[in-house]
């Protein structure tokens, strides 16, 4: 076996990404996955939880109290997945528009990131925005609810990064 590996040259070993992971073949805007996909595993957890509880209630020879707790745990996971699997009505572009209206200055560079807040993991866009001056004089952090589109909260402050570079 050692002889087979010693005969391989650097040209024989090629590391290639699959076509669906190759960034050079990507075209167009990225579509962020919708939060409602959480409902699919929630339904699976629910079916499994009900099945385990019925198996425990039928008093099968292999069932015990631990399975009843496991079934209840699966149902709790299913309920959480159903409640937190809200459809997102607002994409990152709409979140940037809502941010522009909330901060009170023209936005230059900005980026949006999806995060979840609260016990039920409500989808929210976290937007970091800089004013359009060069260098930017203000920056803002804005939270936009991805379900309703309302601005949850925002913080605007002077951009102190430019002072650190010149000091």
N, C-alpha and C. Protein backbone atom coordinates (compact mmCIF):
# COMPACT_ATOMS: atom_id res chain seq x y z
N UNK A 1 0.80 -1.19 0.00
CA UNK A 1 0.00 0.00 0.00
C UNK A 1 0.84 1.26 0.00
N UNK A 2 1.95 1.24 0.70
CA UNK A 2 2.81 2.41 0.76
C UNK A 2 3.36 2.73 -0.62
N UNK A 3 3.54 1.70 -1.46
CA UNK A 3 4.06 1.93 -2.80
C UNK A 3 3.06 2.67 -3.67
N UNK A 4 1.73 2.39 -3.47
CA UNK A 4 0.71 3.07 -4.26
C UNK A 4 0.69 4.56 -3.95
N UNK A 5 0.81 4.93 -2.67
CA UNK A 5 0.79 6.34 -2.28
C UNK A 5 2.04 7.07 -2.71
N UNK A 6 3.17 6.39 -2.76
CA UNK A 6 4.41 7.05 -3.14
C UNK A 6 4.45 7.36 -4.63
N UNK A 7 3.63 6.68 -5.43
CA UNK A 7 3.61 6.93 -6.87
C UNK A 7 2.73 8.12 -7.25
N UNK A 8 1.90 8.60 -6.32
CA UNK A 8 1.02 9.73 -6.61
C UNK A 8 1.83 11.02 -6.66
N UNK A 9 1.58 11.81 -7.66
CA UNK A 9 2.24 13.11 -7.74
C UNK A 9 1.26 14.20 -7.31
N UNK A 10 1.74 15.40 -7.22
CA UNK A 10 0.89 16.53 -6.82
C UNK A 10 -0.20 16.78 -7.85
N UNK A 11 0.03 16.42 -9.10
CA UNK A 11 -0.98 16.62 -10.15
C UNK A 11 -2.11 15.60 -10.06
N UNK A 12 -1.86 14.46 -9.42
CA UNK A 12 -2.88 13.42 -9.31
C UNK A 12 -3.92 13.73 -8.25
N UNK A 13 -3.59 14.53 -7.25
CA UNK A 13 -4.51 14.83 -6.16
C UNK A 13 -5.16 16.17 -6.45
N UNK A 14 -6.49 16.15 -6.64
CA UNK A 14 -7.22 17.36 -6.98
C UNK A 14 -8.37 17.50 -5.99
N UNK A 15 -8.46 18.68 -5.38
CA UNK A 15 -9.54 18.97 -4.45
C UNK A 15 -10.50 19.93 -5.15
N UNK A 16 -11.70 19.46 -5.44
CA UNK A 16 -12.66 20.25 -6.21
C UNK A 16 -13.96 20.35 -5.42
N UNK A 17 -14.51 21.56 -5.37
CA UNK A 17 -15.81 21.75 -4.74
C UNK A 17 -16.91 21.22 -5.64
N UNK A 18 -17.98 20.70 -5.07
CA UNK A 18 -19.14 20.34 -5.90
C UNK A 18 -19.72 21.60 -6.55
N UNK A 19 -20.42 21.43 -7.64
CA UNK A 19 -20.95 22.56 -8.40
C UNK A 19 -21.84 23.47 -7.56
N UNK A 20 -22.66 22.89 -6.67
CA UNK A 20 -23.57 23.72 -5.89
C UNK A 20 -22.87 24.52 -4.80
N UNK A 21 -21.60 24.22 -4.50
CA UNK A 21 -20.85 24.98 -3.50
C UNK A 21 -19.78 25.88 -4.11
N UNK A 22 -19.66 25.87 -5.41
CA UNK A 22 -18.64 26.66 -6.08
C UNK A 22 -19.11 28.11 -6.20
N UNK A 23 -18.43 29.07 -5.53
CA UNK A 23 -18.90 30.46 -5.56
C UNK A 23 -18.77 31.12 -6.93
N UNK A 24 -17.94 30.58 -7.81
CA UNK A 24 -17.80 31.18 -9.14
C UNK A 24 -19.03 30.97 -9.99
N UNK A 25 -19.84 29.96 -9.68
CA UNK A 25 -21.03 29.70 -10.48
C UNK A 25 -22.26 30.42 -9.93
N UNK A 26 -22.11 31.17 -8.85
CA UNK A 26 -23.24 31.86 -8.24
C UNK A 26 -23.61 33.10 -9.05
N UNK A 27 -24.88 33.25 -9.32
CA UNK A 27 -25.38 34.41 -10.04
C UNK A 27 -26.60 34.95 -9.32
N UNK A 28 -26.70 36.26 -9.24
CA UNK A 28 -27.89 36.89 -8.68
C UNK A 28 -27.78 37.14 -7.20
N UNK A 29 -28.86 37.64 -6.65
CA UNK A 29 -28.92 37.98 -5.23
C UNK A 29 -29.18 36.72 -4.40
N UNK A 30 -28.58 36.71 -3.22
CA UNK A 30 -28.76 35.58 -2.32
C UNK A 30 -30.13 35.67 -1.67
N UNK A 31 -30.88 34.58 -1.66
CA UNK A 31 -32.20 34.51 -1.02
C UNK A 31 -32.02 33.86 0.33
N UNK A 32 -32.21 34.64 1.39
CA UNK A 32 -32.03 34.12 2.74
C UNK A 32 -33.16 33.14 3.04
N UNK A 33 -32.87 31.96 3.62
CA UNK A 33 -33.92 30.98 3.89
C UNK A 33 -34.95 31.51 4.88
N UNK A 34 -36.20 31.17 4.63
CA UNK A 34 -37.29 31.64 5.49
C UNK A 34 -37.29 30.87 6.81
N UNK A 35 -37.64 31.57 7.85
CA UNK A 35 -37.67 31.02 9.20
C UNK A 35 -38.76 29.95 9.36
N UNK A 36 -39.74 29.93 8.47
CA UNK A 36 -40.85 28.98 8.59
C UNK A 36 -40.41 27.54 8.34
N UNK A 37 -39.16 27.34 7.90
CA UNK A 37 -38.67 25.97 7.71
C UNK A 37 -38.57 25.22 9.03
N UNK A 38 -38.62 25.93 10.16
CA UNK A 38 -38.58 25.28 11.47
C UNK A 38 -39.82 24.41 11.70
N UNK A 39 -40.87 24.63 10.94
CA UNK A 39 -42.11 23.87 11.14
C UNK A 39 -41.97 22.42 10.68
N UNK A 40 -41.08 22.16 9.74
CA UNK A 40 -40.92 20.80 9.22
C UNK A 40 -40.38 19.86 10.30
N UNK A 41 -39.23 20.17 10.95
CA UNK A 41 -38.79 19.29 12.02
C UNK A 41 -39.76 19.30 13.20
N UNK A 42 -40.47 20.41 13.41
CA UNK A 42 -41.45 20.46 14.50
C UNK A 42 -42.55 19.42 14.28
N UNK A 43 -43.00 19.29 13.05
CA UNK A 43 -44.03 18.29 12.74
C UNK A 43 -43.48 16.88 12.96
N UNK A 44 -42.24 16.66 12.59
CA UNK A 44 -41.62 15.33 12.79
C UNK A 44 -41.51 15.03 14.28
N UNK A 45 -41.04 16.02 15.08
CA UNK A 45 -40.96 15.83 16.54
C UNK A 45 -42.34 15.54 17.12
N UNK A 46 -43.36 16.22 16.64
CA UNK A 46 -44.71 16.01 17.14
C UNK A 46 -45.22 14.60 16.87
N UNK A 47 -45.01 14.13 15.65
CA UNK A 47 -45.45 12.77 15.29
C UNK A 47 -44.70 11.74 16.12
N UNK A 48 -43.38 11.92 16.26
CA UNK A 48 -42.60 10.98 17.08
C UNK A 48 -43.03 11.02 18.54
N UNK A 49 -43.27 12.23 19.07
CA UNK A 49 -43.70 12.36 20.46
C UNK A 49 -45.03 11.67 20.72
N UNK A 50 -45.98 11.87 19.82
CA UNK A 50 -47.29 11.21 19.97
C UNK A 50 -47.13 9.70 19.87
N UNK A 51 -46.30 9.24 18.94
CA UNK A 51 -46.07 7.79 18.80
C UNK A 51 -45.45 7.19 20.06
N UNK A 52 -44.49 7.88 20.65
CA UNK A 52 -43.84 7.37 21.86
C UNK A 52 -44.83 7.36 23.02
N UNK A 53 -45.66 8.40 23.13
CA UNK A 53 -46.65 8.44 24.21
C UNK A 53 -47.68 7.33 24.04
N UNK A 54 -48.14 7.08 22.81
CA UNK A 54 -49.07 5.98 22.58
C UNK A 54 -48.43 4.63 22.88
N UNK A 55 -47.15 4.48 22.53
CA UNK A 55 -46.46 3.23 22.83
C UNK A 55 -46.37 3.02 24.34
N UNK A 56 -46.15 4.10 25.08
CA UNK A 56 -46.08 4.00 26.54
C UNK A 56 -47.46 3.70 27.12
N UNK A 57 -48.50 4.34 26.56
CA UNK A 57 -49.87 4.12 27.06
C UNK A 57 -50.36 2.71 26.74
N UNK A 58 -49.88 2.14 25.66
CA UNK A 58 -50.28 0.78 25.29
C UNK A 58 -49.61 -0.25 26.17
N UNK A 59 -48.70 0.20 27.05
CA UNK A 59 -48.01 -0.66 28.00
C UNK A 59 -47.30 -1.82 27.29
N UNK A 60 -46.52 -1.46 26.27
CA UNK A 60 -45.72 -2.46 25.58
C UNK A 60 -44.61 -2.93 26.50
N UNK A 61 -44.06 -4.08 26.23
CA UNK A 61 -43.06 -4.65 27.13
C UNK A 61 -41.78 -3.83 27.18
N UNK A 62 -41.47 -3.08 26.15
CA UNK A 62 -40.23 -2.30 26.12
C UNK A 62 -40.43 -0.85 26.55
N UNK A 63 -41.67 -0.46 26.86
CA UNK A 63 -41.92 0.93 27.24
C UNK A 63 -41.84 1.10 28.76
N UNK A 64 -41.44 2.30 29.19
CA UNK A 64 -41.36 2.60 30.62
C UNK A 64 -41.60 4.10 30.82
N UNK A 65 -41.44 4.56 32.05
CA UNK A 65 -41.68 5.97 32.37
C UNK A 65 -40.71 6.90 31.67
N UNK A 66 -39.50 6.43 31.40
CA UNK A 66 -38.53 7.26 30.69
C UNK A 66 -38.99 7.58 29.28
N UNK A 67 -39.66 6.63 28.63
CA UNK A 67 -40.19 6.89 27.29
C UNK A 67 -41.31 7.92 27.33
N UNK A 68 -42.11 7.89 28.39
CA UNK A 68 -43.17 8.89 28.53
C UNK A 68 -42.55 10.29 28.61
N UNK A 69 -41.49 10.44 29.40
CA UNK A 69 -40.80 11.72 29.49
C UNK A 69 -40.19 12.12 28.15
N UNK A 70 -39.63 11.16 27.43
CA UNK A 70 -39.05 11.45 26.12
C UNK A 70 -40.14 11.91 25.15
N UNK A 71 -41.30 11.27 25.19
CA UNK A 71 -42.42 11.67 24.33
C UNK A 71 -42.90 13.07 24.65
N UNK A 72 -42.99 13.39 25.95
CA UNK A 72 -43.39 14.74 26.34
C UNK A 72 -42.34 15.77 25.93
N UNK A 73 -41.06 15.40 26.03
CA UNK A 73 -39.99 16.29 25.58
C UNK A 73 -40.06 16.55 24.08
N UNK A 74 -40.34 15.50 23.31
CA UNK A 74 -40.49 15.69 21.86
C UNK A 74 -41.67 16.59 21.53
N UNK A 75 -42.77 16.45 22.28
CA UNK A 75 -43.92 17.33 22.06
C UNK A 75 -43.59 18.77 22.43
N UNK A 76 -42.80 18.97 23.48
CA UNK A 76 -42.39 20.33 23.86
C UNK A 76 -41.51 20.94 22.76
N UNK A 77 -40.60 20.16 22.21
CA UNK A 77 -39.77 20.63 21.09
C UNK A 77 -40.64 20.98 19.89
N UNK A 78 -41.64 20.15 19.62
CA UNK A 78 -42.54 20.38 18.49
C UNK A 78 -43.30 21.69 18.68
N UNK A 79 -43.79 21.92 19.89
CA UNK A 79 -44.53 23.15 20.17
C UNK A 79 -43.63 24.37 19.99
N UNK A 80 -42.39 24.29 20.49
CA UNK A 80 -41.44 25.39 20.32
C UNK A 80 -41.18 25.65 18.84
N UNK A 81 -40.97 24.60 18.06
CA UNK A 81 -40.71 24.76 16.63
C UNK A 81 -41.88 25.36 15.88
N UNK A 82 -43.10 24.98 16.25
CA UNK A 82 -44.28 25.55 15.61
C UNK A 82 -44.45 27.02 15.96
N UNK A 83 -44.23 27.37 17.23
CA UNK A 83 -44.40 28.76 17.65
C UNK A 83 -43.29 29.67 17.13
N UNK A 84 -42.08 29.15 17.01
CA UNK A 84 -40.97 29.99 16.56
C UNK A 84 -40.79 29.97 15.05
N UNK A 85 -41.53 29.17 14.34
CA UNK A 85 -41.39 29.07 12.89
C UNK A 85 -42.26 30.06 12.14
N UNK A 86 -42.14 31.32 12.48
CA UNK A 86 -42.93 32.37 11.81
C UNK A 86 -42.33 32.67 10.44
N UNK A 87 -43.20 32.96 9.49
CA UNK A 87 -42.73 33.36 8.16
C UNK A 87 -42.21 34.79 8.22
N UNK A 88 -41.11 35.03 7.54
CA UNK A 88 -40.52 36.36 7.50
C UNK A 88 -41.14 37.14 6.34
N UNK A 89 -41.81 38.23 6.64
CA UNK A 89 -42.42 39.07 5.61
C UNK A 89 -41.46 40.15 5.12
N UNK A 90 -40.36 40.36 5.84
CA UNK A 90 -39.41 41.43 5.54
C UNK A 90 -38.06 40.82 5.19
N UNK A 91 -37.54 41.16 4.01
CA UNK A 91 -36.19 40.69 3.66
C UNK A 91 -35.17 41.75 4.04
N UNK A 92 -33.90 41.49 3.76
CA UNK A 92 -32.85 42.41 4.21
C UNK A 92 -32.94 43.78 3.53
N UNK A 93 -33.43 43.82 2.29
CA UNK A 93 -33.57 45.12 1.62
C UNK A 93 -34.64 45.98 2.28
N UNK A 94 -35.76 45.37 2.62
CA UNK A 94 -36.82 46.12 3.31
C UNK A 94 -36.35 46.55 4.71
N UNK A 95 -35.51 45.73 5.35
CA UNK A 95 -34.96 46.10 6.65
C UNK A 95 -34.04 47.31 6.52
N UNK A 96 -33.28 47.39 5.42
CA UNK A 96 -32.42 48.54 5.19
C UNK A 96 -33.24 49.81 4.96
N UNK A 97 -34.36 49.68 4.26
CA UNK A 97 -35.24 50.84 4.04
C UNK A 97 -35.84 51.31 5.36
N UNK A 98 -36.31 50.37 6.18
CA UNK A 98 -36.86 50.73 7.50
C UNK A 98 -35.78 51.37 8.37
N UNK A 99 -34.55 50.91 8.25
CA UNK A 99 -33.45 51.49 9.01
C UNK A 99 -33.18 52.92 8.59
N UNK A 100 -33.22 53.17 7.29
CA UNK A 100 -32.99 54.51 6.76
C UNK A 100 -34.00 55.49 7.35
N UNK A 101 -35.24 55.07 7.47
CA UNK A 101 -36.28 55.94 8.02
C UNK A 101 -36.11 56.17 9.51
N UNK A 102 -35.50 55.22 10.22
CA UNK A 102 -35.39 55.32 11.68
C UNK A 102 -34.22 56.16 12.15
N UNK A 103 -33.10 56.18 11.41
CA UNK A 103 -31.89 56.80 11.94
C UNK A 103 -31.82 58.30 11.71
N UNK A 104 -32.45 58.83 10.69
CA UNK A 104 -32.45 60.26 10.49
C UNK A 104 -31.24 60.82 9.76
N UNK A 105 -30.42 59.99 9.16
CA UNK A 105 -29.31 60.47 8.33
C UNK A 105 -29.20 59.56 7.10
N UNK A 106 -28.65 60.11 5.99
CA UNK A 106 -28.50 59.27 4.80
C UNK A 106 -27.49 58.15 5.06
N UNK A 107 -27.88 56.94 4.74
CA UNK A 107 -27.03 55.78 4.99
C UNK A 107 -26.13 55.54 3.79
N UNK A 108 -24.86 55.33 4.08
CA UNK A 108 -23.89 54.95 3.05
C UNK A 108 -23.72 53.45 3.06
N UNK A 109 -22.69 52.98 3.75
CA UNK A 109 -22.45 51.53 3.87
C UNK A 109 -23.35 50.96 4.95
N UNK A 110 -23.86 49.75 4.70
CA UNK A 110 -24.71 49.08 5.68
C UNK A 110 -24.66 47.58 5.45
N UNK A 111 -24.94 46.84 6.50
CA UNK A 111 -25.05 45.39 6.36
C UNK A 111 -26.16 44.90 7.27
N UNK A 112 -26.84 43.85 6.83
CA UNK A 112 -27.94 43.29 7.59
C UNK A 112 -27.63 41.83 7.91
N UNK A 113 -27.99 41.43 9.12
CA UNK A 113 -27.74 40.07 9.59
C UNK A 113 -29.01 39.59 10.27
N UNK A 114 -29.43 38.36 9.99
CA UNK A 114 -30.61 37.85 10.66
C UNK A 114 -30.22 37.26 12.01
N UNK A 115 -30.95 37.65 13.04
CA UNK A 115 -30.76 37.13 14.38
C UNK A 115 -32.14 36.78 14.93
N UNK A 116 -32.17 36.14 16.07
CA UNK A 116 -33.42 35.80 16.72
C UNK A 116 -33.42 36.40 18.10
N UNK A 117 -34.57 36.91 18.55
CA UNK A 117 -34.64 37.52 19.86
C UNK A 117 -35.85 36.98 20.60
N UNK A 118 -35.73 36.96 21.92
CA UNK A 118 -36.83 36.52 22.76
C UNK A 118 -36.85 35.02 22.95
N UNK A 119 -37.72 34.59 23.86
CA UNK A 119 -37.84 33.18 24.19
C UNK A 119 -38.33 32.37 23.00
N UNK A 120 -39.22 32.94 22.20
CA UNK A 120 -39.76 32.22 21.06
C UNK A 120 -38.99 32.47 19.76
N UNK A 121 -37.79 33.00 19.87
CA UNK A 121 -36.88 33.18 18.73
C UNK A 121 -37.54 33.92 17.57
N UNK A 122 -38.02 35.11 17.84
CA UNK A 122 -38.63 35.92 16.79
C UNK A 122 -37.55 36.39 15.82
N UNK A 123 -37.71 36.15 14.51
CA UNK A 123 -36.68 36.56 13.56
C UNK A 123 -36.59 38.09 13.48
N UNK A 124 -35.35 38.58 13.49
CA UNK A 124 -35.09 40.02 13.52
C UNK A 124 -33.88 40.30 12.64
N UNK A 125 -33.92 41.43 11.94
CA UNK A 125 -32.77 41.87 11.18
C UNK A 125 -31.97 42.83 12.03
N UNK A 126 -30.68 42.58 12.18
CA UNK A 126 -29.76 43.49 12.87
C UNK A 126 -28.99 44.22 11.78
N UNK A 127 -29.19 45.53 11.70
CA UNK A 127 -28.60 46.34 10.64
C UNK A 127 -27.54 47.25 11.25
N UNK A 128 -26.34 47.21 10.71
CA UNK A 128 -25.27 48.12 11.07
C UNK A 128 -25.12 49.08 9.90
N UNK A 129 -25.27 50.39 10.17
CA UNK A 129 -25.28 51.38 9.10
C UNK A 129 -24.34 52.53 9.43
N UNK A 130 -23.69 53.04 8.42
CA UNK A 130 -22.82 54.21 8.53
C UNK A 130 -23.39 55.32 7.68
N UNK A 131 -23.16 56.57 8.09
CA UNK A 131 -23.62 57.71 7.31
C UNK A 131 -22.84 57.77 6.00
N UNK A 132 -23.38 58.55 5.05
CA UNK A 132 -22.83 58.54 3.70
C UNK A 132 -21.62 59.44 3.51
N UNK A 133 -21.19 60.22 4.53
CA UNK A 133 -20.00 61.05 4.38
C UNK A 133 -18.74 60.18 4.30
N UNK A 134 -17.67 60.79 3.76
CA UNK A 134 -16.39 60.08 3.70
C UNK A 134 -15.38 60.87 4.51
N UNK A 135 -14.88 60.39 5.59
CA UNK A 135 -15.27 59.18 6.32
C UNK A 135 -16.60 59.40 7.03
N UNK A 136 -17.33 58.31 7.32
CA UNK A 136 -18.64 58.45 7.95
C UNK A 136 -18.55 59.09 9.33
N UNK A 137 -19.45 60.04 9.58
CA UNK A 137 -19.43 60.73 10.86
C UNK A 137 -20.35 60.08 11.89
N UNK A 138 -21.33 59.31 11.43
CA UNK A 138 -22.26 58.65 12.35
C UNK A 138 -22.39 57.18 11.98
N UNK A 139 -22.77 56.40 12.99
CA UNK A 139 -23.07 54.99 12.77
C UNK A 139 -24.29 54.64 13.59
N UNK A 140 -24.96 53.56 13.19
CA UNK A 140 -26.19 53.17 13.88
C UNK A 140 -26.33 51.65 13.89
N UNK A 141 -26.96 51.17 14.94
CA UNK A 141 -27.34 49.77 15.06
C UNK A 141 -28.86 49.75 15.17
N UNK A 142 -29.51 49.06 14.25
CA UNK A 142 -30.96 49.07 14.18
C UNK A 142 -31.46 47.63 14.19
N UNK A 143 -32.48 47.36 15.00
CA UNK A 143 -33.14 46.05 15.01
C UNK A 143 -34.51 46.19 14.36
N UNK A 144 -34.72 45.43 13.28
CA UNK A 144 -35.97 45.48 12.54
C UNK A 144 -36.63 44.11 12.63
N UNK A 145 -37.88 44.09 13.10
CA UNK A 145 -38.63 42.84 13.21
C UNK A 145 -38.86 42.27 11.81
N UNK A 146 -38.47 41.02 11.58
CA UNK A 146 -38.57 40.40 10.25
C UNK A 146 -39.97 39.91 9.94
N UNK A 147 -40.86 39.90 10.92
CA UNK A 147 -42.24 39.48 10.69
C UNK A 147 -43.11 40.69 10.37
N UNK A 148 -43.02 41.74 11.19
CA UNK A 148 -43.90 42.90 11.02
C UNK A 148 -43.24 44.05 10.27
N UNK A 149 -41.91 44.14 10.26
CA UNK A 149 -41.21 45.22 9.60
C UNK A 149 -41.01 46.46 10.44
N UNK A 150 -41.46 46.44 11.67
CA UNK A 150 -41.29 47.61 12.53
C UNK A 150 -39.89 47.64 13.13
N UNK A 151 -39.41 48.86 13.36
CA UNK A 151 -38.11 49.03 13.99
C UNK A 151 -38.29 48.79 15.49
N UNK A 152 -37.64 47.78 16.02
CA UNK A 152 -37.77 47.42 17.42
C UNK A 152 -37.01 48.41 18.29
N UNK A 153 -35.76 48.67 17.92
CA UNK A 153 -34.95 49.67 18.61
C UNK A 153 -33.80 50.07 17.72
N UNK A 154 -33.22 51.24 18.03
CA UNK A 154 -32.06 51.69 17.28
C UNK A 154 -31.18 52.56 18.17
N UNK A 155 -29.93 52.55 17.83
CA UNK A 155 -28.92 53.34 18.54
C UNK A 155 -28.10 54.07 17.51
N UNK A 156 -28.01 55.40 17.65
CA UNK A 156 -27.22 56.22 16.74
C UNK A 156 -26.15 56.91 17.57
N UNK A 157 -24.91 56.90 17.05
CA UNK A 157 -23.82 57.57 17.76
C UNK A 157 -22.81 58.10 16.75
N UNK A 158 -21.95 58.98 17.24
CA UNK A 158 -20.85 59.47 16.41
C UNK A 158 -19.90 58.31 16.12
N UNK A 159 -19.29 58.35 14.95
CA UNK A 159 -18.35 57.30 14.56
C UNK A 159 -16.97 57.67 15.11
N UNK A 160 -16.57 57.01 16.17
CA UNK A 160 -15.29 57.29 16.81
C UNK A 160 -14.14 56.53 16.18
N UNK A 161 -14.41 55.65 15.23
CA UNK A 161 -13.36 54.86 14.60
C UNK A 161 -12.37 55.73 13.85
N UNK A 162 -12.85 56.81 13.21
CA UNK A 162 -11.94 57.66 12.45
C UNK A 162 -10.98 58.40 13.38
N UNK A 163 -11.43 58.75 14.62
CA UNK A 163 -10.55 59.41 15.57
C UNK A 163 -9.41 58.50 16.02
N UNK A 164 -9.70 57.22 16.15
CA UNK A 164 -8.68 56.28 16.59
C UNK A 164 -7.60 56.11 15.51
N UNK A 165 -8.00 56.22 14.25
CA UNK A 165 -7.03 56.06 13.17
C UNK A 165 -6.10 57.27 13.07
N UNK A 166 -6.59 58.46 13.39
CA UNK A 166 -5.80 59.68 13.26
C UNK A 166 -5.04 60.05 14.50
N UNK A 167 -5.30 59.41 15.61
CA UNK A 167 -4.64 59.80 16.87
C UNK A 167 -3.23 59.30 16.97
